[in-house]
Amino acid sequence: MNSPKAALEASGLGMAYSRRKKDVLADCSFRFPQGRVCALVGPNGAGKSTLLGLAAGLLRPTAGTLTVLGQAPAEARDRIAYVDQTRPLHPHLSVADTLCFGAELNRPSGRWDQQAAERIAYGDGGLEPTAKVRSLSSGQRTRVALALAFGKRPELMLLDEPMADLDPLARRQLTGALMSEAAEHGTSIVMSSHVIAELEGICDYLLLLCGGRVRLGGETEEVVAAHTLITGTATTATSGHTVIEERPAGRGRTALVRPHGAPSGDLLAERPSLEDVLLAHLRNPHAPALLTESAIPVLPQHPQE
C-alpha cells in the first residue's frame, strides 16, 4: 500500500540569517503527509516561524531541500494559504473590501470561495463588513487574515499562532472550521502554537522543533503511545528503558520513558498525555529523537541549488 503524498518534506534543511549566529534550522529532516492537521510546537526561537516562512516560499533555505505538495515552495504558492504572525493587511480597506481584494488576487486560480471567507469573517457574532481594518483589534484582524486563508480554498494551510489573539467564541469557531476543512476537503494544515492543550483536540500529527531539528514527528497517537510514565524506586524505575525525563516522587522516582519491554516488578505504568510527552522533551532537548514511519523523509539529501 502506498503511503500518502507529502504536504511538506524536508531533507537536511538548514536556515541561517547570519554567518555569525547559530543556525535557526540545521540538518532538519521530516515528512508531513497530506490530509492531516499538524501541531508545530517548540520553544521560542526554535524555528517554527522560519519553517513556515520557508514553506510559504518567503524565505530561501541556506542548506538542504524542502518540497511543498511535491513542488518547490515558490511553485506551490497558488495551492497554499499562509497566515503570518504579524497579520499584514491594508489598514485603509474595509473588511468587505479586503475580501473582494482577496477574490481578485485569487481569480486566476479559480479557487476563491466567498462563502467560506464570509463564514469566518462574519459568522457567530463576527465583524461588520464596513469596518476599516485600521479600527480592528488584533484578534479581529486575525479573523480577517483567516477569512482570506479559508477563502483561498488551499490544499495546504500554514498558520503561525492562529489562535493567540482570538476570543473564546472565535477560537471555537476556528477550531470547528479547521476540523471541517480537513474532513470535508482533505486540506493539510500546519499550525504553530504555545498552548499545547489547545492543539490536542484538533491535531492528529505532531512536529516538535528543538535545537534546529525535529525531535518528535509523526501521528500524535503513535508518538504518545511510544512513551510510558512509570513510578518506582530510585534503583529500579528506569532500568532498561530509554529515559526522557526523571524526577523524584515520594520515596521513589517518576519517569517518562520509551519502554523496552514491559515494566517489571511493582512499578506503576501509566499512559502519558500529549502534554506530558511534549513538556518532558522540551525540558530535555537532548533526549533521543523519535520519528514515526510516516514522518521519515524519502528525499535524498543534497544542497539547495
C-alpha atoms as a PDB file:
ATOM      1  CA  MET A   1       0.000   0.000   0.000  1.00  0.00           C
ATOM      2  CA  ASN A   2       1.458   3.377  -0.996  1.00  0.00           C
ATOM      3  CA  SER A   3       1.913   5.991   1.734  1.00  0.00           C
ATOM      4  CA  PRO A   4       0.080   9.331   1.362  1.00  0.00           C
ATOM      5  CA  LYS A   5       1.810  12.021  -0.659  1.00  0.00           C
ATOM      6  CA  ALA A   6       3.752  14.588   1.333  1.00  0.00           C
ATOM      7  CA  ALA A   7       2.376  18.043   2.031  1.00  0.00           C
ATOM      8  CA  LEU A   8       5.820  19.023   3.337  1.00  0.00           C
ATOM      9  CA  GLU A   9       9.077  17.126   3.072  1.00  0.00           C
ATOM     10  CA  ALA A  10      12.454  18.376   4.261  1.00  0.00           C
ATOM     11  CA  SER A  11      15.859  16.769   3.981  1.00  0.00           C
ATOM     12  CA  GLY A  12      18.941  18.287   5.568  1.00  0.00           C
ATOM     13  CA  LEU A  13      17.112  21.624   5.710  1.00  0.00           C
ATOM     14  CA  GLY A  14      19.140  24.493   7.119  1.00  0.00           C
ATOM     15  CA  MET A  15      18.487  28.182   7.643  1.00  0.00           C
ATOM     16  CA  ALA A  16      20.896  30.810   8.949  1.00  0.00           C
ATOM     17  CA  TYR A  17      20.204  34.551   8.943  1.00  0.00           C
ATOM     18  CA  SER A  18      23.836  35.473   9.613  1.00  0.00           C
ATOM     19  CA  ARG A  19      27.157  33.661   9.479  1.00  0.00           C
ATOM     20  CA  ARG A  20      27.920  34.910  12.969  1.00  0.00           C
ATOM     21  CA  LYS A  21      24.763  33.457  14.515  1.00  0.00           C
ATOM     22  CA  LYS A  22      23.772  29.892  15.228  1.00  0.00           C
ATOM     23  CA  ASP A  23      21.625  28.304  12.537  1.00  0.00           C
ATOM     24  CA  VAL A  24      17.890  28.579  13.204  1.00  0.00           C
ATOM     25  CA  LEU A  25      17.412  25.243  11.419  1.00  0.00           C
ATOM     26  CA  ALA A  26      20.242  22.756  10.962  1.00  0.00           C
ATOM     27  CA  ASP A  27      20.031  19.380   9.213  1.00  0.00           C
ATOM     28  CA  CYS A  28      16.258  19.374   9.738  1.00  0.00           C
ATOM     29  CA  SER A  29      14.590  16.367   8.108  1.00  0.00           C
ATOM     30  CA  PHE A  30      10.964  15.250   8.296  1.00  0.00           C
ATOM     31  CA  ARG A  31       7.898  14.333   6.260  1.00  0.00           C
ATOM     32  CA  PHE A  32       4.328  15.564   6.797  1.00  0.00           C
ATOM     33  CA  PRO A  33       1.670  13.600   4.824  1.00  0.00           C
ATOM     34  CA  GLN A  34      -1.197  15.302   3.044  1.00  0.00           C
ATOM     35  CA  GLY A  35      -4.650  15.436   4.600  1.00  0.00           C
ATOM     36  CA  ARG A  36      -3.509  15.743   8.216  1.00  0.00           C
ATOM     37  CA  VAL A  37      -3.719  18.511  10.821  1.00  0.00           C
ATOM     38  CA  CYS A  38      -0.270  19.088  12.276  1.00  0.00           C
ATOM     39  CA  ALA A  39       0.727  20.789  15.530  1.00  0.00           C
ATOM     40  CA  LEU A  40       4.052  22.581  15.138  1.00  0.00           C
ATOM     41  CA  VAL A  41       5.452  23.162  18.608  1.00  0.00           C
ATOM     42  CA  GLY A  42       8.735  24.166  20.186  1.00  0.00           C
ATOM     43  CA  PRO A  43      10.322  26.750  22.475  1.00  0.00           C
ATOM     44  CA  ASN A  44      10.779  30.375  21.483  1.00  0.00           C
ATOM     45  CA  GLY A  45      13.467  30.674  18.828  1.00  0.00           C
ATOM     46  CA  ALA A  46      13.146  27.025  17.788  1.00  0.00           C
ATOM     47  CA  GLY A  47      12.493  27.974  14.155  1.00  0.00           C
ATOM     48  CA  LYS A  48       8.732  27.433  13.881  1.00  0.00           C
ATOM     49  CA  SER A  49       8.042  30.745  12.116  1.00  0.00           C
ATOM     50  CA  THR A  50      11.153  30.267   9.974  1.00  0.00           C
ATOM     51  CA  LEU A  51       9.984  26.832   8.852  1.00  0.00           C
ATOM     52  CA  LEU A  52       6.537  28.189   7.955  1.00  0.00           C
ATOM     53  CA  GLY A  53       8.133  31.089   6.071  1.00  0.00           C
ATOM     54  CA  LEU A  54      10.295  28.646   4.118  1.00  0.00           C
ATOM     55  CA  ALA A  55       7.253  26.523   3.286  1.00  0.00           C
ATOM     56  CA  ALA A  56       5.386  29.628   2.123  1.00  0.00           C
ATOM     57  CA  GLY A  57       8.234  30.484  -0.253  1.00  0.00           C
ATOM     58  CA  LEU A  58       9.012  33.757   1.520  1.00  0.00           C
ATOM     59  CA  LEU A  59      12.462  32.605   2.635  1.00  0.00           C
ATOM     60  CA  ARG A  60      15.144  30.596   0.875  1.00  0.00           C
ATOM     61  CA  PRO A  61      16.999  27.888   2.822  1.00  0.00           C
ATOM     62  CA  THR A  62      20.749  28.075   3.180  1.00  0.00           C
ATOM     63  CA  ALA A  63      21.093  24.274   3.058  1.00  0.00           C
ATOM     64  CA  GLY A  64      19.134  21.163   2.160  1.00  0.00           C
ATOM     65  CA  THR A  65      15.798  20.775   0.406  1.00  0.00           C
ATOM     66  CA  LEU A  66      12.142  21.473   1.146  1.00  0.00           C
ATOM     67  CA  THR A  67       9.222  20.486  -1.063  1.00  0.00           C
ATOM     68  CA  VAL A  68       5.638  21.675  -0.681  1.00  0.00           C
ATOM     69  CA  LEU A  69       2.922  19.482  -2.207  1.00  0.00           C
ATOM     70  CA  GLY A  70       5.642  17.885  -4.332  1.00  0.00           C
ATOM     71  CA  GLN A  71       6.914  21.217  -5.686  1.00  0.00           C
ATOM     72  CA  ALA A  72       9.385  23.925  -4.788  1.00  0.00           C
ATOM     73  CA  PRO A  73       7.739  26.314  -2.300  1.00  0.00           C
ATOM     74  CA  ALA A  74       7.576  29.211  -4.786  1.00  0.00           C
ATOM     75  CA  GLU A  75       5.888  26.990  -7.378  1.00  0.00           C
ATOM     76  CA  ALA A  76       3.211  25.869  -4.901  1.00  0.00           C
ATOM     77  CA  ARG A  77       2.083  29.348  -3.760  1.00  0.00           C
ATOM     78  CA  ASP A  78      -1.264  29.162  -5.555  1.00  0.00           C
ATOM     79  CA  ARG A  79      -2.030  25.963  -3.663  1.00  0.00           C
ATOM     80  CA  ILE A  80      -1.215  27.189  -0.151  1.00  0.00           C
ATOM     81  CA  ALA A  81      -2.504  29.820   2.287  1.00  0.00           C
ATOM     82  CA  TYR A  82      -0.185  31.364   4.845  1.00  0.00           C
ATOM     83  CA  VAL A  83      -1.206  33.400   7.891  1.00  0.00           C
ATOM     84  CA  ASP A  84       1.789  35.229   9.329  1.00  0.00           C
ATOM     85  CA  GLN A  85       2.085  36.220  13.000  1.00  0.00           C
ATOM     86  CA  THR A  86       2.012  39.910  12.028  1.00  0.00           C
ATOM     87  CA  ARG A  87      -1.270  39.576  10.055  1.00  0.00           C
ATOM     88  CA  PRO A  88      -0.256  42.098   7.318  1.00  0.00           C
ATOM     89  CA  LEU A  89      -3.400  43.745   5.906  1.00  0.00           C
ATOM     90  CA  HIS A  90      -4.222  47.011   4.146  1.00  0.00           C
ATOM     91  CA  PRO A  91      -5.362  49.282   7.015  1.00  0.00           C
ATOM     92  CA  HIS A  92      -7.445  51.654   4.864  1.00  0.00           C
ATOM     93  CA  LEU A  93      -9.657  48.899   3.406  1.00  0.00           C
ATOM     94  CA  SER A  94     -12.890  47.715   4.970  1.00  0.00           C
ATOM     95  CA  VAL A  95     -13.397  44.063   5.843  1.00  0.00           C
ATOM     96  CA  ALA A  96     -15.662  43.598   2.816  1.00  0.00           C
ATOM     97  CA  ASP A  97     -13.150  45.340   0.517  1.00  0.00           C
ATOM     98  CA  THR A  98     -10.371  43.149   1.884  1.00  0.00           C
ATOM     99  CA  LEU A  99     -12.324  40.021   0.959  1.00  0.00           C
ATOM    100  CA  CYS A 100     -13.030  41.476  -2.509  1.00  0.00           C
ATOM    101  CA  PHE A 101      -9.314  42.151  -2.875  1.00  0.00           C
ATOM    102  CA  GLY A 102      -8.598  38.545  -1.915  1.00  0.00           C
ATOM    103  CA  ALA A 103     -11.123  37.352  -4.503  1.00  0.00           C
ATOM    104  CA  GLU A 104      -9.439  39.417  -7.230  1.00  0.00           C
ATOM    105  CA  LEU A 105      -5.954  38.188  -6.352  1.00  0.00           C
ATOM    106  CA  ASN A 106      -7.119  34.572  -6.449  1.00  0.00           C
ATOM    107  CA  ARG A 107      -9.315  34.875  -9.546  1.00  0.00           C
ATOM    108  CA  PRO A 108      -6.650  33.376 -11.891  1.00  0.00           C
ATOM    109  CA  SER A 109      -6.502  30.179  -9.828  1.00  0.00           C
ATOM    110  CA  GLY A 110     -10.288  29.805  -9.750  1.00  0.00           C
ATOM    111  CA  ARG A 111     -10.094  28.672  -6.136  1.00  0.00           C
ATOM    112  CA  TRP A 112     -11.734  31.562  -4.285  1.00  0.00           C
ATOM    113  CA  ASP A 113     -14.705  30.622  -2.081  1.00  0.00           C
ATOM    114  CA  GLN A 114     -16.551  33.771  -0.990  1.00  0.00           C
ATOM    115  CA  GLN A 115     -18.933  31.891   1.277  1.00  0.00           C
ATOM    116  CA  ALA A 116     -16.058  30.273   3.179  1.00  0.00           C
ATOM    117  CA  ALA A 117     -14.368  33.656   3.637  1.00  0.00           C
ATOM    118  CA  GLU A 118     -17.561  35.343   4.843  1.00  0.00           C
ATOM    119  CA  ARG A 119     -18.333  32.498   7.233  1.00  0.00           C
ATOM    120  CA  ILE A 120     -15.059  33.131   9.071  1.00  0.00           C
ATOM    121  CA  ALA A 121     -15.241  36.935   8.892  1.00  0.00           C
ATOM    122  CA  TYR A 122     -18.915  37.499   9.729  1.00  0.00           C
ATOM    123  CA  GLY A 123     -20.224  34.329  11.379  1.00  0.00           C
ATOM    124  CA  ASP A 124     -21.002  33.820  15.087  1.00  0.00           C
ATOM    125  CA  GLY A 125     -21.050  37.476  16.053  1.00  0.00           C
ATOM    126  CA  GLY A 126     -18.147  38.335  13.793  1.00  0.00           C
ATOM    127  CA  LEU A 127     -17.095  41.531  12.049  1.00  0.00           C
ATOM    128  CA  GLU A 128     -19.042  44.311  10.400  1.00  0.00           C
ATOM    129  CA  PRO A 129     -18.377  44.325   6.626  1.00  0.00           C
ATOM    130  CA  THR A 130     -17.945  48.116   6.600  1.00  0.00           C
ATOM    131  CA  ALA A 131     -15.424  48.217   9.475  1.00  0.00           C
ATOM    132  CA  LYS A 132     -11.999  49.523   8.474  1.00  0.00           C
ATOM    133  CA  VAL A 133      -9.053  47.223   9.136  1.00  0.00           C
ATOM    134  CA  ARG A 134      -7.221  50.033  10.948  1.00  0.00           C
ATOM    135  CA  SER A 135     -10.032  50.190  13.525  1.00  0.00           C
ATOM    136  CA  LEU A 136      -9.940  46.474  14.338  1.00  0.00           C
ATOM    137  CA  SER A 137      -8.353  44.861  17.376  1.00  0.00           C
ATOM    138  CA  SER A 138      -5.539  42.357  16.895  1.00  0.00           C
ATOM    139  CA  GLY A 139      -7.973  39.480  17.337  1.00  0.00           C
ATOM    140  CA  GLN A 140     -10.346  40.940  14.767  1.00  0.00           C
ATOM    141  CA  ARG A 141      -7.508  41.401  12.277  1.00  0.00           C
ATOM    142  CA  THR A 142      -6.679  37.742  12.836  1.00  0.00           C
ATOM    143  CA  ARG A 143     -10.242  36.857  11.798  1.00  0.00           C
ATOM    144  CA  VAL A 144      -9.797  38.817   8.564  1.00  0.00           C
ATOM    145  CA  ALA A 145      -6.472  37.101   7.827  1.00  0.00           C
ATOM    146  CA  LEU A 146      -8.023  33.697   8.490  1.00  0.00           C
ATOM    147  CA  ALA A 147     -11.016  34.575   6.301  1.00  0.00           C
ATOM    148  CA  LEU A 148      -8.611  35.234   3.422  1.00  0.00           C
ATOM    149  CA  ALA A 149      -6.890  31.917   4.095  1.00  0.00           C
ATOM    150  CA  PHE A 150     -10.135  29.926   4.099  1.00  0.00           C
ATOM    151  CA  GLY A 151     -11.475  31.807   1.083  1.00  0.00           C
ATOM    152  CA  LYS A 152      -8.475  30.761  -0.969  1.00  0.00           C
ATOM    153  CA  ARG A 153      -9.584  27.138  -0.522  1.00  0.00           C
ATOM    154  CA  PRO A 154      -5.958  25.939  -0.373  1.00  0.00           C
ATOM    155  CA  GLU A 155      -4.575  22.433  -0.375  1.00  0.00           C
ATOM    156  CA  LEU A 156      -2.225  23.382   2.462  1.00  0.00           C
ATOM    157  CA  MET A 157      -2.748  25.934   5.245  1.00  0.00           C
ATOM    158  CA  LEU A 158       0.253  27.312   7.132  1.00  0.00           C
ATOM    159  CA  LEU A 159      -0.927  29.070  10.296  1.00  0.00           C
ATOM    160  CA  ASP A 160       1.524  30.827  12.631  1.00  0.00           C
ATOM    161  CA  GLU A 161      -0.032  31.162  16.112  1.00  0.00           C
ATOM    162  CA  PRO A 162      -3.547  31.479  14.629  1.00  0.00           C
ATOM    163  CA  MET A 163      -5.416  31.457  17.952  1.00  0.00           C
ATOM    164  CA  ALA A 164      -3.167  33.726  20.008  1.00  0.00           C
ATOM    165  CA  ASP A 165      -5.369  36.843  19.724  1.00  0.00           C
ATOM    166  CA  LEU A 166      -8.810  35.268  19.351  1.00  0.00           C
ATOM    167  CA  ASP A 167     -11.564  35.440  21.950  1.00  0.00           C
ATOM    168  CA  PRO A 168     -13.050  32.110  23.155  1.00  0.00           C
ATOM    169  CA  LEU A 169     -16.001  32.228  20.743  1.00  0.00           C
ATOM    170  CA  ALA A 170     -13.829  32.964  17.698  1.00  0.00           C
ATOM    171  CA  ARG A 171     -11.353  30.302  18.847  1.00  0.00           C
ATOM    172  CA  ARG A 172     -14.139  27.728  18.991  1.00  0.00           C
ATOM    173  CA  GLN A 173     -15.324  28.772  15.535  1.00  0.00           C
ATOM    174  CA  LEU A 174     -11.820  28.435  14.110  1.00  0.00           C
ATOM    175  CA  THR A 175     -11.379  25.019  15.693  1.00  0.00           C
ATOM    176  CA  GLY A 176     -14.597  23.787  14.089  1.00  0.00           C
ATOM    177  CA  ALA A 177     -13.669  25.314  10.739  1.00  0.00           C
ATOM    178  CA  LEU A 178     -10.232  23.700  10.722  1.00  0.00           C
ATOM    179  CA  MET A 179     -11.628  20.265  11.528  1.00  0.00           C
ATOM    180  CA  SER A 180     -14.298  20.709   8.850  1.00  0.00           C
ATOM    181  CA  GLU A 181     -11.682  21.714   6.265  1.00  0.00           C
ATOM    182  CA  ALA A 182      -9.591  18.643   6.976  1.00  0.00           C
ATOM    183  CA  ALA A 183     -12.566  16.286   6.979  1.00  0.00           C
ATOM    184  CA  GLU A 184     -14.544  17.637   4.009  1.00  0.00           C
ATOM    185  CA  HIS A 185     -11.836  18.894   1.675  1.00  0.00           C
ATOM    186  CA  GLY A 186      -8.753  16.917   2.715  1.00  0.00           C
ATOM    187  CA  THR A 187      -6.918  20.167   3.447  1.00  0.00           C
ATOM    188  CA  SER A 188      -3.487  19.722   5.014  1.00  0.00           C
ATOM    189  CA  ILE A 189      -2.953  22.103   7.941  1.00  0.00           C
ATOM    190  CA  VAL A 190       0.169  23.061   9.871  1.00  0.00           C
ATOM    191  CA  MET A 191      -0.407  25.323  12.848  1.00  0.00           C
ATOM    192  CA  SER A 192       2.067  26.528  15.434  1.00  0.00           C
ATOM    193  CA  SER A 193       1.060  27.333  18.991  1.00  0.00           C
ATOM    194  CA  HIS A 194       2.474  27.610  22.505  1.00  0.00           C
ATOM    195  CA  VAL A 195      -0.792  26.385  24.048  1.00  0.00           C
ATOM    196  CA  ILE A 196      -0.425  22.624  23.958  1.00  0.00           C
ATOM    197  CA  ALA A 197      -3.902  21.884  25.344  1.00  0.00           C
ATOM    198  CA  GLU A 198      -5.322  23.972  22.501  1.00  0.00           C
ATOM    199  CA  LEU A 199      -3.793  21.655  19.915  1.00  0.00           C
ATOM    200  CA  GLU A 200      -4.561  18.288  21.478  1.00  0.00           C
ATOM    201  CA  GLY A 201      -8.197  18.135  20.370  1.00  0.00           C
ATOM    202  CA  ILE A 202      -7.515  19.414  16.848  1.00  0.00           C
ATOM    203  CA  CYS A 203      -4.265  17.935  15.583  1.00  0.00           C
ATOM    204  CA  ASP A 204      -3.622  14.344  14.604  1.00  0.00           C
ATOM    205  CA  TYR A 205       0.014  14.937  13.638  1.00  0.00           C
ATOM    206  CA  LEU A 206       2.956  16.415  15.512  1.00  0.00           C
ATOM    207  CA  LEU A 207       6.251  18.126  14.746  1.00  0.00           C
ATOM    208  CA  LEU A 208       8.330  19.221  17.738  1.00  0.00           C
ATOM    209  CA  LEU A 209      11.199  21.537  16.805  1.00  0.00           C
ATOM    210  CA  CYS A 210      14.104  21.951  19.182  1.00  0.00           C
ATOM    211  CA  GLY A 211      17.739  22.790  18.554  1.00  0.00           C
ATOM    212  CA  GLY A 212      17.082  23.370  14.866  1.00  0.00           C
ATOM    213  CA  ARG A 213      15.828  19.834  14.268  1.00  0.00           C
ATOM    214  CA  VAL A 214      12.607  17.846  14.531  1.00  0.00           C
ATOM    215  CA  ARG A 215      12.828  15.964  17.824  1.00  0.00           C
ATOM    216  CA  LEU A 216       9.382  14.344  17.634  1.00  0.00           C
ATOM    217  CA  GLY A 217       7.436  13.736  14.452  1.00  0.00           C
ATOM    218  CA  GLY A 218       4.509  11.604  13.388  1.00  0.00           C
ATOM    219  CA  GLU A 219       0.949  10.654  14.259  1.00  0.00           C
ATOM    220  CA  THR A 220       0.057  12.104  17.647  1.00  0.00           C
ATOM    221  CA  GLU A 221      -1.406   8.799  18.827  1.00  0.00           C
ATOM    222  CA  GLU A 222       1.709   6.840  17.837  1.00  0.00           C
ATOM    223  CA  VAL A 223       4.089   9.353  19.413  1.00  0.00           C
ATOM    224  CA  VAL A 224       2.214   9.302  22.728  1.00  0.00           C
ATOM    225  CA  ALA A 225       1.859   5.500  22.655  1.00  0.00           C
ATOM    226  CA  ALA A 226       5.644   5.152  22.319  1.00  0.00           C
ATOM    227  CA  HIS A 227       6.044   6.631  25.816  1.00  0.00           C
ATOM    228  CA  THR A 228       5.117   5.420  29.285  1.00  0.00           C
ATOM    229  CA  LEU A 229       5.030   7.099  32.681  1.00  0.00           C
ATOM    230  CA  ILE A 230       6.469   4.731  35.282  1.00  0.00           C
ATOM    231  CA  THR A 231       6.815   5.147  39.037  1.00  0.00           C
ATOM    232  CA  GLY A 232       9.023   3.006  41.267  1.00  0.00           C
ATOM    233  CA  THR A 233      12.091   3.011  43.491  1.00  0.00           C
ATOM    234  CA  ALA A 234      15.122   5.046  42.534  1.00  0.00           C
ATOM    235  CA  THR A 235      17.107   1.962  41.622  1.00  0.00           C
ATOM    236  CA  THR A 236      14.523   0.171  39.516  1.00  0.00           C
ATOM    237  CA  ALA A 237      12.200   2.736  37.971  1.00  0.00           C
ATOM    238  CA  THR A 238      14.157   3.384  34.765  1.00  0.00           C
ATOM    239  CA  SER A 239      16.292   0.271  34.435  1.00  0.00           C
ATOM    240  CA  GLY A 240      16.377  -0.988  30.841  1.00  0.00           C
ATOM    241  CA  HIS A 241      14.364   1.885  29.370  1.00  0.00           C
ATOM    242  CA  THR A 242      15.217   4.997  27.343  1.00  0.00           C
ATOM    243  CA  VAL A 243      14.687   7.829  29.812  1.00  0.00           C
ATOM    244  CA  ILE A 244      13.259  11.112  28.547  1.00  0.00           C
ATOM    245  CA  GLU A 245      12.799  12.746  31.953  1.00  0.00           C
ATOM    246  CA  GLU A 246      13.067  11.549  35.550  1.00  0.00           C
ATOM    247  CA  ARG A 247      12.061  13.286  38.767  1.00  0.00           C
ATOM    248  CA  PRO A 248      11.518  12.465  42.474  1.00  0.00           C
ATOM    249  CA  ALA A 249       8.097  11.146  43.535  1.00  0.00           C
ATOM    250  CA  GLY A 250       7.841  10.495  47.277  1.00  0.00           C
ATOM    251  CA  ARG A 251      10.359   7.761  48.167  1.00  0.00           C
ATOM    252  CA  GLY A 252      10.747   6.706  44.563  1.00  0.00           C
ATOM    253  CA  ARG A 253      11.010   8.188  41.087  1.00  0.00           C
ATOM    254  CA  THR A 254       8.587   9.022  38.305  1.00  0.00           C
ATOM    255  CA  ALA A 255       9.956   8.937  34.782  1.00  0.00           C
ATOM    256  CA  LEU A 256       8.759   9.342  31.235  1.00  0.00           C
ATOM    257  CA  VAL A 257      10.426   6.600  29.225  1.00  0.00           C
ATOM    258  CA  ARG A 258      10.326   4.821  25.926  1.00  0.00           C
ATOM    259  CA  PRO A 259       9.963   1.321  27.323  1.00  0.00           C
ATOM    260  CA  HIS A 260      11.964  -1.644  26.124  1.00  0.00           C
ATOM    261  CA  GLY A 261       9.675  -4.469  27.156  1.00  0.00           C
ATOM    262  CA  ALA A 262       7.028  -4.357  29.882  1.00  0.00           C
ATOM    263  CA  PRO A 263       7.890  -2.592  33.168  1.00  0.00           C
ATOM    264  CA  SER A 264       8.794  -5.206  35.761  1.00  0.00           C
ATOM    265  CA  GLY A 265       8.159  -5.677  39.469  1.00  0.00           C
ATOM    266  CA  ASP A 266       5.781  -3.409  41.346  1.00  0.00           C
ATOM    267  CA  LEU A 267       6.228  -0.437  39.005  1.00  0.00           C
ATOM    268  CA  LEU A 268       3.175   1.659  38.252  1.00  0.00           C
ATOM    269  CA  ALA A 269       2.914   2.155  34.474  1.00  0.00           C
ATOM    270  CA  GLU A 270       0.578   4.799  33.025  1.00  0.00           C
ATOM    271  CA  ARG A 271      -0.159   6.250  29.616  1.00  0.00           C
ATOM    272  CA  PRO A 272       1.053   9.867  29.442  1.00  0.00           C
ATOM    273  CA  SER A 273      -0.878  12.733  27.932  1.00  0.00           C
ATOM    274  CA  LEU A 274       0.382  14.587  24.880  1.00  0.00           C
ATOM    275  CA  GLU A 275       1.253  17.468  27.208  1.00  0.00           C
ATOM    276  CA  ASP A 276       3.328  15.124  29.407  1.00  0.00           C
ATOM    277  CA  VAL A 277       5.332  13.974  26.388  1.00  0.00           C
ATOM    278  CA  LEU A 278       5.883  17.414  24.897  1.00  0.00           C
ATOM    279  CA  LEU A 279       6.863  19.103  28.161  1.00  0.00           C
ATOM    280  CA  ALA A 280       9.321  16.329  29.012  1.00  0.00           C
ATOM    281  CA  HIS A 281      11.021  16.669  25.618  1.00  0.00           C
ATOM    282  CA  LEU A 282      11.048  20.464  25.888  1.00  0.00           C
ATOM    283  CA  ARG A 283      12.724  20.222  29.297  1.00  0.00           C
ATOM    284  CA  ASN A 284      15.251  17.728  27.935  1.00  0.00           C
ATOM    285  CA  PRO A 285      16.207  18.815  24.397  1.00  0.00           C
ATOM    286  CA  HIS A 286      18.976  16.200  24.357  1.00  0.00           C
ATOM    287  CA  ALA A 287      16.533  13.286  24.569  1.00  0.00           C
ATOM    288  CA  PRO A 288      16.752  10.894  21.594  1.00  0.00           C
ATOM    289  CA  ALA A 289      14.621  11.996  18.656  1.00  0.00           C
ATOM    290  CA  LEU A 290      11.632   9.932  17.540  1.00  0.00           C
ATOM    291  CA  LEU A 291      10.056   9.926  14.078  1.00  0.00           C
ATOM    292  CA  THR A 292       7.256   7.520  13.242  1.00  0.00           C
ATOM    293  CA  GLU A 293       7.409   5.781   9.871  1.00  0.00           C
ATOM    294  CA  SER A 294       5.239   8.349   8.086  1.00  0.00           C
ATOM    295  CA  ALA A 295       7.460  11.232   9.298  1.00  0.00           C
ATOM    296  CA  ILE A 296      10.710   9.838   7.868  1.00  0.00           C
ATOM    297  CA  PRO A 297      11.639  11.689   4.651  1.00  0.00           C
ATOM    298  CA  VAL A 298      12.400   9.826   1.448  1.00  0.00           C
ATOM    299  CA  LEU A 299      14.056  12.704  -0.396  1.00  0.00           C
ATOM    300  CA  PRO A 300      17.814  12.394  -0.901  1.00  0.00           C
ATOM    301  CA  GLN A 301      19.887  14.935   0.988  1.00  0.00           C
ATOM    302  CA  HIS A 302      21.679  17.406  -1.255  1.00  0.00           C
ATOM    303  CA  PRO A 303      22.411  21.132  -1.149  1.00  0.00           C
ATOM    304  CA  GLN A 304      19.746  23.606  -2.282  1.00  0.00           C
ATOM    305  CA  GLU A 305      20.585  24.820  -5.739  1.00  0.00           C
END
